[in-house]
C-alpha atoms as a PDB file:
ATOM      1  CA  MET A   1    -161.632 148.379 -29.248  1.00  0.00           C
ATOM      2  CA  VAL A   2    -158.620 147.085 -31.129  1.00  0.00           C
ATOM      3  CA  GLN A   3    -156.256 149.358 -33.023  1.00  0.00           C
ATOM      4  CA  ARG A   4    -153.074 149.016 -34.995  1.00  0.00           C
ATOM      5  CA  VAL A   5    -150.134 150.039 -32.792  1.00  0.00           C
ATOM      6  CA  GLY A   6    -147.094 151.966 -34.135  1.00  0.00           C
ATOM      7  CA  LEU A   7    -143.883 152.572 -32.045  1.00  0.00           C
ATOM      8  CA  ARG A   8    -145.059 156.166 -31.097  1.00  0.00           C
ATOM      9  CA  ASP A   9    -147.641 155.775 -28.541  1.00  0.00           C
ATOM     10  CA  PRO A  10    -148.314 152.027 -27.426  1.00  0.00           C
ATOM     11  CA  ALA A  11    -149.633 153.046 -24.237  1.00  0.00           C
ATOM     12  CA  LYS A  12    -152.426 155.388 -25.546  1.00  0.00           C
ATOM     13  CA  GLN A  13    -153.525 152.284 -27.880  1.00  0.00           C
ATOM     14  CA  ALA A  14    -153.440 149.894 -25.258  1.00  0.00           C
ATOM     15  CA  ALA A  15    -155.286 152.080 -22.757  1.00  0.00           C
ATOM     16  CA  GLN A  16    -158.143 151.970 -25.473  1.00  0.00           C
ATOM     17  CA  GLY A  17    -158.429 148.220 -25.148  1.00  0.00           C
ATOM     18  CA  GLY A  18    -155.467 146.905 -27.044  1.00  0.00           C
ATOM     19  CA  GLY A  19    -153.434 147.524 -30.397  1.00  0.00           C
ATOM     20  CA  LEU A  20    -151.885 145.410 -33.015  1.00  0.00           C
ATOM     21  CA  GLY A  21    -148.352 145.404 -33.697  1.00  0.00           C
ATOM     22  CA  ARG A  22    -146.097 143.606 -36.303  1.00  0.00           C
ATOM     23  CA  GLN A  23    -142.782 142.293 -35.257  1.00  0.00           C
ATOM     24  CA  THR A  24    -139.959 141.415 -37.338  1.00  0.00           C
ATOM     25  CA  GLY A  25    -137.068 141.975 -34.630  1.00  0.00           C
ATOM     26  CA  ASP A  26    -138.336 143.687 -31.518  1.00  0.00           C
ATOM     27  CA  SER A  27    -141.506 145.615 -32.526  1.00  0.00           C
ATOM     28  CA  LEU A  28    -143.758 143.963 -29.924  1.00  0.00           C
ATOM     29  CA  TRP A  29    -141.370 143.522 -27.060  1.00  0.00           C
ATOM     30  CA  GLY A  30    -139.562 146.948 -27.598  1.00  0.00           C
ATOM     31  CA  PRO A  31    -142.491 148.986 -27.213  1.00  0.00           C
ATOM     32  CA  SER A  32    -144.272 146.791 -24.688  1.00  0.00           C
ATOM     33  CA  GLY A  33    -141.029 146.831 -22.454  1.00  0.00           C
ATOM     34  CA  ALA A  34    -140.661 150.757 -22.611  1.00  0.00           C
ATOM     35  CA  ALA A  35    -144.306 151.299 -21.577  1.00  0.00           C
ATOM     36  CA  SER A  36    -145.044 148.603 -18.969  1.00  0.00           C
ATOM     37  CA  LEU A  37    -147.416 146.684 -21.347  1.00  0.00           C
ATOM     38  CA  VAL A  38    -147.966 143.057 -22.174  1.00  0.00           C
ATOM     39  CA  SER A  39    -147.605 141.311 -25.549  1.00  0.00           C
ATOM     40  CA  LEU A  40    -147.193 137.733 -26.984  1.00  0.00           C
ATOM     41  CA  ARG A  41    -144.988 137.029 -29.988  1.00  0.00           C
ATOM     42  CA  GLY A  42    -146.386 133.383 -30.399  1.00  0.00           C
ATOM     43  CA  THR A  43    -145.252 130.546 -32.280  1.00  0.00           C
ATOM     44  CA  ASP A  44    -145.031 131.032 -36.018  1.00  0.00           C
ATOM     45  CA  GLY A  45    -148.667 130.706 -37.439  1.00  0.00           C
ATOM     46  CA  MET A  46    -150.423 131.289 -34.132  1.00  0.00           C
ATOM     47  CA  GLU A  47    -151.932 134.580 -35.704  1.00  0.00           C
ATOM     48  CA  SER A  48    -152.199 135.228 -39.404  1.00  0.00           C
ATOM     49  CA  SER A  49    -150.166 138.046 -40.673  1.00  0.00           C
ATOM     50  CA  GLN A  50    -151.886 138.166 -44.084  1.00  0.00           C
ATOM     51  CA  GLY A  51    -152.413 141.575 -45.572  1.00  0.00           C
ATOM     52  CA  THR A  52    -150.109 143.384 -43.053  1.00  0.00           C
ATOM     53  CA  MET A  53    -147.134 145.656 -44.353  1.00  0.00           C
ATOM     54  CA  PRO A  54    -144.208 143.261 -44.077  1.00  0.00           C
ATOM     55  CA  LEU A  55    -140.716 143.840 -43.378  1.00  0.00           C
ATOM     56  CA  THR A  56    -139.614 140.154 -43.931  1.00  0.00           C
ATOM     57  CA  ALA A  57    -141.925 137.589 -45.481  1.00  0.00           C
ATOM     58  CA  VAL A  58    -142.416 134.513 -43.092  1.00  0.00           C
ATOM     59  CA  GLN A  59    -140.795 136.191 -40.058  1.00  0.00           C
ATOM     60  CA  ASP A  60    -143.041 138.836 -39.522  1.00  0.00           C
ATOM     61  CA  TYR A  61    -145.645 138.228 -36.696  1.00  0.00           C
ATOM     62  CA  VAL A  62    -148.766 140.230 -35.873  1.00  0.00           C
ATOM     63  CA  GLY A  63    -149.472 140.335 -32.240  1.00  0.00           C
ATOM     64  CA  PHE A  64    -151.471 142.659 -29.750  1.00  0.00           C
ATOM     65  CA  ILE A  65    -150.096 145.143 -27.089  1.00  0.00           C
ATOM     66  CA  SER A  66    -152.329 145.269 -24.174  1.00  0.00           C
ATOM     67  CA  ARG A  67    -152.460 146.245 -20.518  1.00  0.00           C
ATOM     68  CA  SER A  68    -152.457 142.735 -18.695  1.00  0.00           C
ATOM     69  CA  VAL A  69    -152.245 139.079 -19.649  1.00  0.00           C
ATOM     70  CA  GLN A  70    -156.022 138.998 -18.941  1.00  0.00           C
ATOM     71  CA  ASP A  71    -156.723 141.339 -21.733  1.00  0.00           C
ATOM     72  CA  GLU A  72    -154.119 139.649 -23.874  1.00  0.00           C
ATOM     73  CA  ALA A  73    -155.975 136.356 -23.577  1.00  0.00           C
ATOM     74  CA  LEU A  74    -159.386 137.937 -24.356  1.00  0.00           C
ATOM     75  CA  LEU A  75    -157.875 139.445 -27.463  1.00  0.00           C
ATOM     76  CA  LEU A  76    -156.204 136.236 -28.450  1.00  0.00           C
ATOM     77  CA  ASN A  77    -159.697 134.560 -28.205  1.00  0.00           C
ATOM     78  CA  ALA A  78    -161.000 136.856 -30.806  1.00  0.00           C
ATOM     79  CA  ALA A  79    -157.922 136.861 -33.045  1.00  0.00           C
ATOM     80  CA  ALA A  80    -155.919 133.745 -32.845  1.00  0.00           C
ATOM     81  CA  ARG A  81    -157.914 131.723 -35.421  1.00  0.00           C
ATOM     82  CA  GLY A  82    -156.899 130.000 -38.659  1.00  0.00           C
ATOM     83  CA  ASN A  83    -157.052 132.104 -41.910  1.00  0.00           C
ATOM     84  CA  PRO A  84    -158.146 129.778 -44.937  1.00  0.00           C
ATOM     85  CA  ASN A  85    -156.470 132.259 -47.054  1.00  0.00           C
ATOM     86  CA  ASP A  86    -152.998 132.331 -45.403  1.00  0.00           C
ATOM     87  CA  PRO A  87    -150.942 129.008 -45.889  1.00  0.00           C
ATOM     88  CA  LEU A  88    -148.384 130.446 -43.605  1.00  0.00           C
ATOM     89  CA  ASP A  89    -150.586 129.765 -40.452  1.00  0.00           C
ATOM     90  CA  ASP A  90    -151.511 126.408 -41.288  1.00  0.00           C
ATOM     91  CA  LEU A  91    -148.753 124.918 -38.976  1.00  0.00           C
ATOM     92  CA  ALA A  92    -150.581 126.345 -36.106  1.00  0.00           C
ATOM     93  CA  ASP A  93    -153.826 124.338 -36.912  1.00  0.00           C
ATOM     94  CA  GLY A  94    -154.752 122.084 -34.034  1.00  0.00           C
ATOM     95  CA  HIS A  95    -152.574 124.031 -31.495  1.00  0.00           C
ATOM     96  CA  ARG A  96    -154.660 127.069 -31.007  1.00  0.00           C
ATOM     97  CA  PRO A  97    -156.333 127.190 -27.462  1.00  0.00           C
ATOM     98  CA  ALA A  98    -160.261 127.360 -27.703  1.00  0.00           C
ATOM     99  CA  ASN A  99    -160.174 129.712 -24.624  1.00  0.00           C
ATOM    100  CA  TRP A 100    -156.754 131.227 -23.733  1.00  0.00           C
ATOM    101  CA  THR A 101    -158.182 132.510 -20.301  1.00  0.00           C
ATOM    102  CA  THR A 102    -158.395 128.890 -18.950  1.00  0.00           C
ATOM    103  CA  TYR A 103    -154.569 128.955 -18.767  1.00  0.00           C
ATOM    104  CA  LEU A 104    -154.559 131.809 -16.258  1.00  0.00           C
ATOM    105  CA  LYS A 105    -153.707 129.562 -13.289  1.00  0.00           C
ATOM    106  CA  ALA A 106    -152.798 130.528  -9.707  1.00  0.00           C
ATOM    107  CA  ASP A 107    -150.361 127.838  -9.257  1.00  0.00           C
ATOM    108  CA  ALA A 108    -148.819 127.567 -12.523  1.00  0.00           C
ATOM    109  CA  LEU A 109    -145.426 128.595 -11.719  1.00  0.00           C
ATOM    110  CA  LYS A 110    -145.140 125.907  -8.850  1.00  0.00           C
ATOM    111  CA  GLY A 111    -142.485 123.469  -9.676  1.00  0.00           C
ATOM    112  CA  LYS A 112    -141.241 125.154 -12.626  1.00  0.00           C
ATOM    113  CA  VAL A 113    -137.654 125.817 -13.662  1.00  0.00           C
ATOM    114  CA  ILE A 114    -136.865 128.952 -15.443  1.00  0.00           C
ATOM    115  CA  GLY A 115    -133.443 129.306 -17.072  1.00  0.00           C
ATOM    116  CA  VAL A 116    -131.675 132.516 -17.238  1.00  0.00           C
ATOM    117  CA  PRO A 117    -128.888 132.391 -20.197  1.00  0.00           C
ATOM    118  CA  ASP A 118    -125.394 132.892 -18.941  1.00  0.00           C
ATOM    119  CA  SER A 119    -125.144 136.572 -20.873  1.00  0.00           C
ATOM    120  CA  ALA A 120    -128.558 137.332 -21.060  1.00  0.00           C
ATOM    121  CA  PHE A 121    -128.736 140.187 -18.473  1.00  0.00           C
ATOM    122  CA  ASN A 122    -125.265 141.739 -19.322  1.00  0.00           C
ATOM    123  CA  ASP A 123    -125.838 145.076 -20.943  1.00  0.00           C
ATOM    124  CA  PRO A 124    -123.599 145.478 -23.934  1.00  0.00           C
ATOM    125  CA  PHE A 125    -123.349 149.247 -23.167  1.00  0.00           C
ATOM    126  CA  GLY A 126    -121.808 148.291 -19.674  1.00  0.00           C
ATOM    127  CA  THR A 127    -124.654 149.632 -17.501  1.00  0.00           C
ATOM    128  CA  THR A 128    -125.990 147.698 -14.592  1.00  0.00           C
ATOM    129  CA  GLU A 129    -128.852 149.713 -13.089  1.00  0.00           C
ATOM    130  CA  THR A 130    -131.579 148.069 -15.129  1.00  0.00           C
ATOM    131  CA  SER A 131    -130.269 144.647 -15.122  1.00  0.00           C
ATOM    132  CA  ASP A 132    -129.854 144.777 -11.293  1.00  0.00           C
ATOM    133  CA  ALA A 133    -133.467 146.160 -11.136  1.00  0.00           C
ATOM    134  CA  LEU A 134    -134.660 143.107 -13.279  1.00  0.00           C
ATOM    135  CA  LYS A 135    -132.570 140.580 -11.446  1.00  0.00           C
ATOM    136  CA  ALA A 136    -134.458 141.723  -8.066  1.00  0.00           C
ATOM    137  CA  GLU A 137    -137.591 140.566  -9.767  1.00  0.00           C
ATOM    138  CA  PHE A 138    -136.422 137.095  -9.962  1.00  0.00           C
ATOM    139  CA  ALA A 139    -137.654 136.911  -6.280  1.00  0.00           C
ATOM    140  CA  HIS A 140    -141.336 137.005  -7.338  1.00  0.00           C
ATOM    141  CA  PHE A 141    -140.872 133.815  -9.425  1.00  0.00           C
ATOM    142  CA  ARG A 142    -139.284 132.028  -6.400  1.00  0.00           C
ATOM    143  CA  GLN A 143    -142.173 133.223  -4.199  1.00  0.00           C
ATOM    144  CA  ALA A 144    -144.589 131.539  -6.792  1.00  0.00           C
ATOM    145  CA  GLY A 145    -142.694 128.108  -6.489  1.00  0.00           C
ATOM    146  CA  ALA A 146    -140.408 128.434  -9.434  1.00  0.00           C
ATOM    147  CA  THR A 147    -136.752 127.611  -9.562  1.00  0.00           C
ATOM    148  CA  ILE A 148    -134.475 130.163 -11.258  1.00  0.00           C
ATOM    149  CA  LYS A 149    -131.259 128.774 -12.410  1.00  0.00           C
ATOM    150  CA  THR A 150    -128.446 130.062 -14.704  1.00  0.00           C
ATOM    151  CA  ILE A 151    -128.137 128.174 -17.998  1.00  0.00           C
ATOM    152  CA  SER A 152    -125.801 128.185 -21.006  1.00  0.00           C
ATOM    153  CA  ASP A 153    -126.374 130.597 -23.861  1.00  0.00           C
ATOM    154  CA  PRO A 154    -128.499 129.295 -26.462  1.00  0.00           C
ATOM    155  CA  PRO A 155    -127.290 127.588 -29.590  1.00  0.00           C
ATOM    156  CA  PRO A 156    -126.520 129.619 -32.571  1.00  0.00           C
ATOM    157  CA  ALA A 157    -128.813 129.488 -35.544  1.00  0.00           C
ATOM    158  CA  PRO A 158    -128.246 126.775 -37.831  1.00  0.00           C
ATOM    159  CA  PRO A 159    -126.751 127.605 -41.344  1.00  0.00           C
ATOM    160  CA  ARG A 160    -129.424 128.953 -43.615  1.00  0.00           C
ATOM    161  CA  LYS A 161    -130.748 126.504 -46.167  1.00  0.00           C
ATOM    162  CA  TYR A 162    -132.901 129.021 -47.852  1.00  0.00           C
ATOM    163  CA  THR A 163    -132.377 131.791 -50.413  1.00  0.00           C
ATOM    164  CA  GLY A 164    -134.283 134.831 -51.710  1.00  0.00           C
ATOM    165  CA  ASP A 165    -135.040 138.686 -50.873  1.00  0.00           C
ATOM    166  CA  THR A 166    -137.494 138.122 -47.927  1.00  0.00           C
ATOM    167  CA  ASN A 167    -138.172 142.005 -48.039  1.00  0.00           C
ATOM    168  CA  TYR A 168    -139.086 142.022 -51.622  1.00  0.00           C
ATOM    169  CA  GLU A 169    -141.269 138.941 -51.305  1.00  0.00           C
ATOM    170  CA  GLY A 170    -143.179 140.376 -48.307  1.00  0.00           C
ATOM    171  CA  TRP A 171    -143.932 143.545 -50.230  1.00  0.00           C
ATOM    172  CA  ARG A 172    -145.026 141.604 -53.527  1.00  0.00           C
ATOM    173  CA  GLU A 173    -147.464 139.537 -51.207  1.00  0.00           C
ATOM    174  CA  TRP A 174    -148.943 142.713 -49.696  1.00  0.00           C
ATOM    175  CA  ILE A 175    -149.292 144.364 -53.123  1.00  0.00           C
ATOM    176  CA  ALA A 176    -151.251 141.236 -54.291  1.00  0.00           C
ATOM    177  CA  ASP A 177    -153.365 141.310 -51.192  1.00  0.00           C
ATOM    178  CA  HIS A 178    -154.207 145.002 -51.711  1.00  0.00           C
ATOM    179  CA  PRO A 179    -154.881 145.414 -55.595  1.00  0.00           C
ATOM    180  CA  ASP A 180    -156.176 149.181 -54.942  1.00  0.00           C
ATOM    181  CA  ASN A 181    -152.852 150.214 -53.315  1.00  0.00           C
ATOM    182  CA  PRO A 182    -151.018 152.969 -55.359  1.00  0.00           C
ATOM    183  CA  TYR A 183    -147.793 150.649 -55.894  1.00  0.00           C
ATOM    184  CA  SER A 184    -147.463 148.059 -58.752  1.00  0.00           C
ATOM    185  CA  VAL A 185    -144.036 146.552 -57.721  1.00  0.00           C
ATOM    186  CA  PRO A 186    -142.038 146.161 -54.390  1.00  0.00           C
ATOM    187  CA  LEU A 187    -139.326 148.595 -55.630  1.00  0.00           C
ATOM    188  CA  GLN A 188    -141.644 151.509 -55.517  1.00  0.00           C
ATOM    189  CA  ILE A 189    -142.259 150.922 -51.857  1.00  0.00           C
ATOM    190  CA  MET A 190    -138.623 150.092 -51.135  1.00  0.00           C
ATOM    191  CA  ARG A 191    -137.592 153.525 -52.636  1.00  0.00           C
ATOM    192  CA  SER A 192    -140.277 155.551 -51.494  1.00  0.00           C
ATOM    193  CA  PRO A 193    -139.067 159.057 -50.328  1.00  0.00           C
ATOM    194  CA  PRO A 194    -141.374 158.953 -47.125  1.00  0.00           C
ATOM    195  CA  ARG A 195    -139.675 156.075 -45.820  1.00  0.00           C
ATOM    196  CA  LEU A 196    -137.008 156.649 -43.251  1.00  0.00           C
ATOM    197  CA  SER A 197    -133.678 157.192 -44.830  1.00  0.00           C
ATOM    198  CA  TYR A 198    -131.916 154.239 -43.180  1.00  0.00           C
ATOM    199  CA  ASN A 199    -134.783 151.940 -44.420  1.00  0.00           C
ATOM    200  CA  ARG A 200    -135.017 153.427 -47.985  1.00  0.00           C
ATOM    201  CA  SER A 201    -133.234 151.893 -50.995  1.00  0.00           C
ATOM    202  CA  THR A 202    -131.579 154.298 -53.211  1.00  0.00           C
ATOM    203  CA  GLY A 203    -129.117 152.313 -55.157  1.00  0.00           C
ATOM    204  CA  PRO A 204    -129.464 149.874 -57.954  1.00  0.00           C
ATOM    205  CA  TYR A 205    -131.307 146.733 -56.981  1.00  0.00           C
ATOM    206  CA  THR A 206    -129.199 143.816 -56.568  1.00  0.00           C
ATOM    207  CA  GLY A 207    -131.542 141.321 -55.015  1.00  0.00           C
ATOM    208  CA  SER A 208    -133.080 138.148 -56.148  1.00  0.00           C
ATOM    209  CA  GLY A 209    -136.710 139.567 -56.586  1.00  0.00           C
ATOM    210  CA  PRO A 210    -139.769 137.489 -55.624  1.00  0.00           C
ATOM    211  CA  MET A 211    -139.208 134.214 -53.779  1.00  0.00           C
ATOM    212  CA  ALA A 212    -140.413 131.079 -55.361  1.00  0.00           C
ATOM    213  CA  ALA A 213    -142.845 128.645 -53.513  1.00  0.00           C
ATOM    214  CA  GLN A 214    -140.064 126.188 -52.728  1.00  0.00           C
ATOM    215  CA  GLY A 215    -137.944 129.012 -51.092  1.00  0.00           C
ATOM    216  CA  ILE A 216    -140.560 130.073 -48.773  1.00  0.00           C
ATOM    217  CA  ALA A 217    -140.957 126.286 -48.083  1.00  0.00           C
ATOM    218  CA  ASN A 218    -137.143 125.996 -47.284  1.00  0.00           C
ATOM    219  CA  MET A 219    -137.336 129.105 -44.994  1.00  0.00           C
ATOM    220  CA  GLN A 220    -140.141 127.724 -43.154  1.00  0.00           C
ATOM    221  CA  ALA A 221    -138.356 124.344 -42.879  1.00  0.00           C
ATOM    222  CA  TRP A 222    -135.150 126.055 -41.579  1.00  0.00           C
ATOM    223  CA  ARG A 223    -137.211 128.047 -39.029  1.00  0.00           C
ATOM    224  CA  ALA A 224    -138.764 124.661 -37.844  1.00  0.00           C
ATOM    225  CA  GLY A 225    -135.318 123.323 -37.508  1.00  0.00           C
ATOM    226  CA  TYR A 226    -134.182 126.171 -35.248  1.00  0.00           C
ATOM    227  CA  ARG A 227    -137.080 125.767 -33.188  1.00  0.00           C
ATOM    228  CA  GLN A 228    -136.156 122.176 -32.640  1.00  0.00           C
ATOM    229  CA  SER A 229    -132.631 123.069 -31.789  1.00  0.00           C
ATOM    230  CA  LEU A 230    -133.953 125.454 -29.163  1.00  0.00           C
ATOM    231  CA  GLU A 231    -136.365 122.734 -27.682  1.00  0.00           C
ATOM    232  CA  THR A 232    -133.282 120.285 -27.447  1.00  0.00           C
ATOM    233  CA  TRP A 233    -131.212 123.085 -25.608  1.00  0.00           C
ATOM    234  CA  MET A 234    -134.049 123.690 -23.151  1.00  0.00           C
ATOM    235  CA  ASP A 235    -134.220 120.046 -22.392  1.00  0.00           C
ATOM    236  CA  GLN A 236    -130.622 119.475 -21.970  1.00  0.00           C
ATOM    237  CA  GLN A 237    -130.751 122.728 -19.587  1.00  0.00           C
ATOM    238  CA  GLY A 238    -133.636 121.003 -17.632  1.00  0.00           C
ATOM    239  CA  VAL A 239    -135.786 124.201 -18.066  1.00  0.00           C
ATOM    240  CA  ASP A 240    -139.516 124.794 -18.569  1.00  0.00           C
ATOM    241  CA  ALA A 241    -138.964 128.344 -19.894  1.00  0.00           C
ATOM    242  CA  VAL A 242    -136.055 131.089 -20.666  1.00  0.00           C
ATOM    243  CA  LEU A 243    -136.058 134.426 -19.282  1.00  0.00           C
ATOM    244  CA  TYR A 244    -134.726 137.462 -21.219  1.00  0.00           C
ATOM    245  CA  PRO A 245    -135.124 141.397 -20.411  1.00  0.00           C
ATOM    246  CA  THR A 246    -136.897 143.630 -22.698  1.00  0.00           C
ATOM    247  CA  GLU A 247    -134.091 146.193 -22.211  1.00  0.00           C
ATOM    248  CA  LEU A 248    -130.876 146.644 -20.354  1.00  0.00           C
ATOM    249  CA  SER A 249    -130.473 150.405 -20.034  1.00  0.00           C
ATOM    250  CA  ASP A 250    -132.248 153.491 -20.230  1.00  0.00           C
ATOM    251  CA  ILE A 251    -134.171 153.974 -23.632  1.00  0.00           C
ATOM    252  CA  HIS A 252    -133.186 157.211 -25.368  1.00  0.00           C
ATOM    253  CA  LEU A 253    -134.253 156.513 -28.992  1.00  0.00           C
ATOM    254  CA  ASN A 254    -135.784 153.367 -30.786  1.00  0.00           C
ATOM    255  CA  ASP A 255    -135.962 154.723 -34.198  1.00  0.00           C
ATOM    256  CA  SER A 256    -132.565 154.294 -35.574  1.00  0.00           C
ATOM    257  CA  SER A 257    -130.386 151.895 -37.695  1.00  0.00           C
ATOM    258  CA  GLY A 258    -128.470 150.870 -34.717  1.00  0.00           C
ATOM    259  CA  ASN A 259    -129.159 149.835 -31.239  1.00  0.00           C
ATOM    260  CA  SER A 260    -129.696 152.898 -28.977  1.00  0.00           C
ATOM    261  CA  PHE A 261    -130.389 151.039 -25.764  1.00  0.00           C
ATOM    262  CA  GLY A 262    -128.861 147.783 -24.410  1.00  0.00           C
ATOM    263  CA  ARG A 263    -130.476 144.533 -25.389  1.00  0.00           C
ATOM    264  CA  ARG A 264    -130.146 140.940 -25.625  1.00  0.00           C
ATOM    265  CA  ASP A 265    -132.736 139.466 -27.928  1.00  0.00           C
ATOM    266  CA  PRO A 266    -134.541 136.341 -27.489  1.00  0.00           C
ATOM    267  CA  GLN A 267    -134.696 133.927 -30.341  1.00  0.00           C
ATOM    268  CA  SER A 268    -138.474 134.372 -30.865  1.00  0.00           C
ATOM    269  CA  SER A 269    -138.244 136.455 -34.081  1.00  0.00           C
ATOM    270  CA  ALA A 270    -135.543 134.648 -35.653  1.00  0.00           C
ATOM    271  CA  SER A 271    -136.733 131.102 -34.987  1.00  0.00           C
ATOM    272  CA  GLY A 272    -140.552 131.458 -34.353  1.00  0.00           C
ATOM    273  CA  VAL A 273    -140.653 130.160 -30.838  1.00  0.00           C
ATOM    274  CA  PRO A 274    -143.092 131.956 -28.375  1.00  0.00           C
ATOM    275  CA  THR A 275    -142.266 134.766 -26.174  1.00  0.00           C
ATOM    276  CA  VAL A 276    -144.439 136.567 -23.663  1.00  0.00           C
ATOM    277  CA  ILE A 277    -143.404 140.181 -22.584  1.00  0.00           C
ATOM    278  CA  PHE A 278    -144.755 141.686 -19.410  1.00  0.00           C
ATOM    279  CA  PRO A 279    -143.640 144.638 -17.242  1.00  0.00           C
ATOM    280  CA  ALA A 280    -141.373 144.331 -14.166  1.00  0.00           C
ATOM    281  CA  GLY A 281    -141.298 147.719 -12.455  1.00  0.00           C
ATOM    282  CA  VAL A 282    -139.051 150.374 -13.073  1.00  0.00           C
ATOM    283  CA  ASN A 283    -135.217 150.966 -12.665  1.00  0.00           C
ATOM    284  CA  GLU A 284    -133.671 153.573 -10.467  1.00  0.00           C
ATOM    285  CA  HIS A 285    -134.315 156.373 -13.034  1.00  0.00           C
ATOM    286  CA  ASP A 286    -138.148 155.462 -12.907  1.00  0.00           C
ATOM    287  CA  GLN A 287    -137.987 154.152 -16.579  1.00  0.00           C
ATOM    288  CA  PRO A 288    -140.453 151.019 -17.065  1.00  0.00           C
ATOM    289  CA  ILE A 289    -138.457 147.849 -17.409  1.00  0.00           C
ATOM    290  CA  GLY A 290    -139.721 144.318 -18.556  1.00  0.00           C
ATOM    291  CA  LEU A 291    -139.064 140.655 -19.034  1.00  0.00           C
ATOM    292  CA  GLN A 292    -139.642 137.983 -21.515  1.00  0.00           C
ATOM    293  CA  LEU A 293    -140.515 134.520 -21.058  1.00  0.00           C
ATOM    294  CA  GLN A 294    -139.424 132.183 -23.993  1.00  0.00           C
ATOM    295  CA  GLY A 295    -140.876 128.787 -24.388  1.00  0.00           C
ATOM    296  CA  LYS A 296    -141.081 125.807 -26.803  1.00  0.00           C
ATOM    297  CA  ALA A 297    -143.107 125.810 -29.813  1.00  0.00           C
ATOM    298  CA  PHE A 298    -146.750 124.548 -29.103  1.00  0.00           C
ATOM    299  CA  PRO A 299    -146.354 123.104 -25.813  1.00  0.00           C
ATOM    300  CA  GLY A 300    -148.972 120.566 -24.959  1.00  0.00           C
ATOM    301  CA  PRO A 301    -151.567 121.185 -22.019  1.00  0.00           C
ATOM    302  CA  GLY A 302    -150.059 121.266 -18.626  1.00  0.00           C
ATOM    303  CA  THR A 303    -146.849 122.977 -19.816  1.00  0.00           C
ATOM    304  CA  HIS A 304    -146.541 126.309 -18.249  1.00  0.00           C
ATOM    305  CA  GLY A 305    -144.036 129.140 -18.292  1.00  0.00           C
ATOM    306  CA  ASN A 306    -145.159 131.111 -21.310  1.00  0.00           C
ATOM    307  CA  GLY A 307    -146.820 134.029 -19.469  1.00  0.00           C
ATOM    308  CA  VAL A 308    -147.476 135.668 -16.103  1.00  0.00           C
ATOM    309  CA  CYS A 309    -150.303 137.565 -14.657  1.00  0.00           C
ATOM    310  CA  LEU A 310    -149.827 141.124 -13.177  1.00  0.00           C
ATOM    311  CA  ARG A 311    -150.811 142.409  -9.649  1.00  0.00           C
ATOM    312  CA  ALA A 312    -153.564 144.797  -9.645  1.00  0.00           C
ATOM    313  CA  ASP A 313    -151.531 147.183  -7.834  1.00  0.00           C
ATOM    314  CA  SER A 314    -147.912 146.659  -9.232  1.00  0.00           C
ATOM    315  CA  PRO A 315    -146.422 145.666 -12.644  1.00  0.00           C
ATOM    316  CA  ARG A 316    -144.631 142.867 -11.453  1.00  0.00           C
ATOM    317  CA  PRO A 317    -144.913 138.994 -11.972  1.00  0.00           C
ATOM    318  CA  CYS A 318    -147.169 137.113  -9.354  1.00  0.00           C
ATOM    319  CA  ARG A 319    -148.280 133.616  -8.760  1.00  0.00           C
ATOM    320  CA  ALA A 320    -150.653 133.357 -11.609  1.00  0.00           C
ATOM    321  CA  ASP A 321    -149.302 132.113 -15.025  1.00  0.00           C
ATOM    322  CA  CYS A 322    -150.849 132.186 -18.466  1.00  0.00           C
ATOM    323  CA  ASP A 323    -149.760 129.146 -20.507  1.00  0.00           C
ATOM    324  CA  ALA A 324    -150.021 130.599 -23.885  1.00  0.00           C
ATOM    325  CA  ARG A 325    -149.726 127.213 -25.632  1.00  0.00           C
ATOM    326  CA  ALA A 326    -148.040 129.228 -28.425  1.00  0.00           C
END
């Protein structure tokens, strides 16, 4: 049973089998980390996002939130398929596993090198309770045969080579996909009173309107270049995957225009590289905490580090690993 997940109760949705979320920035890893759940923000194109309500064209990614990596793999078997009506998912053609469960391997972390970016676990709010609890979980990776090493922070995003209003374009595409919807132009949605105040446009529109096909192609090319830059960085650092937290402090509110909990975002949303999200226990306040493993785009067979399985009795990484190949 698969249902759409909002930010209000992802645990309830996952308990019913799984749920769908759409991530622009953190809407898969944020709820998953706060509720001891599993998700995957795959490489751009791994799952089609056509027809979903967008915040940013091209960048938005539709993924599952589930109870375990095993459940995640089964859901991906059903949904990670090419959509002939969605040109944005074409770049994943030929890279989707026929059966995701075959990459749940008991020795997958053995011999792997996991990088921890220098500032990734430094809470910008200055707390240490959650980061200390997360660092203690590194021992499970070592027990599974992996090496944990500190590496340099990732390279910055390259200068943008595309222009256009990605929010406007996303809603334009949604309106075109849903001719029976009550809106005719994106501005009606962007200014809709039911929208949260910090997301609602109230002044004169000053954007550039719809994006031309070349603008969308330029955005895709820019993201591909960013992914290549991150792959080069990982190769230079000598790592198979990169580890990030899901949160670095207690979570008080996740529905505001500014950060209300400590976080150091991975580059998955901004670039389209894959990140798997999984539970890592609780902090000293008994709040759930989680980790994210970020990998390279479309790693080949035998490349591991994009996922972990969970102990049946504990939300911690164990010796099995799911190569998402995403």
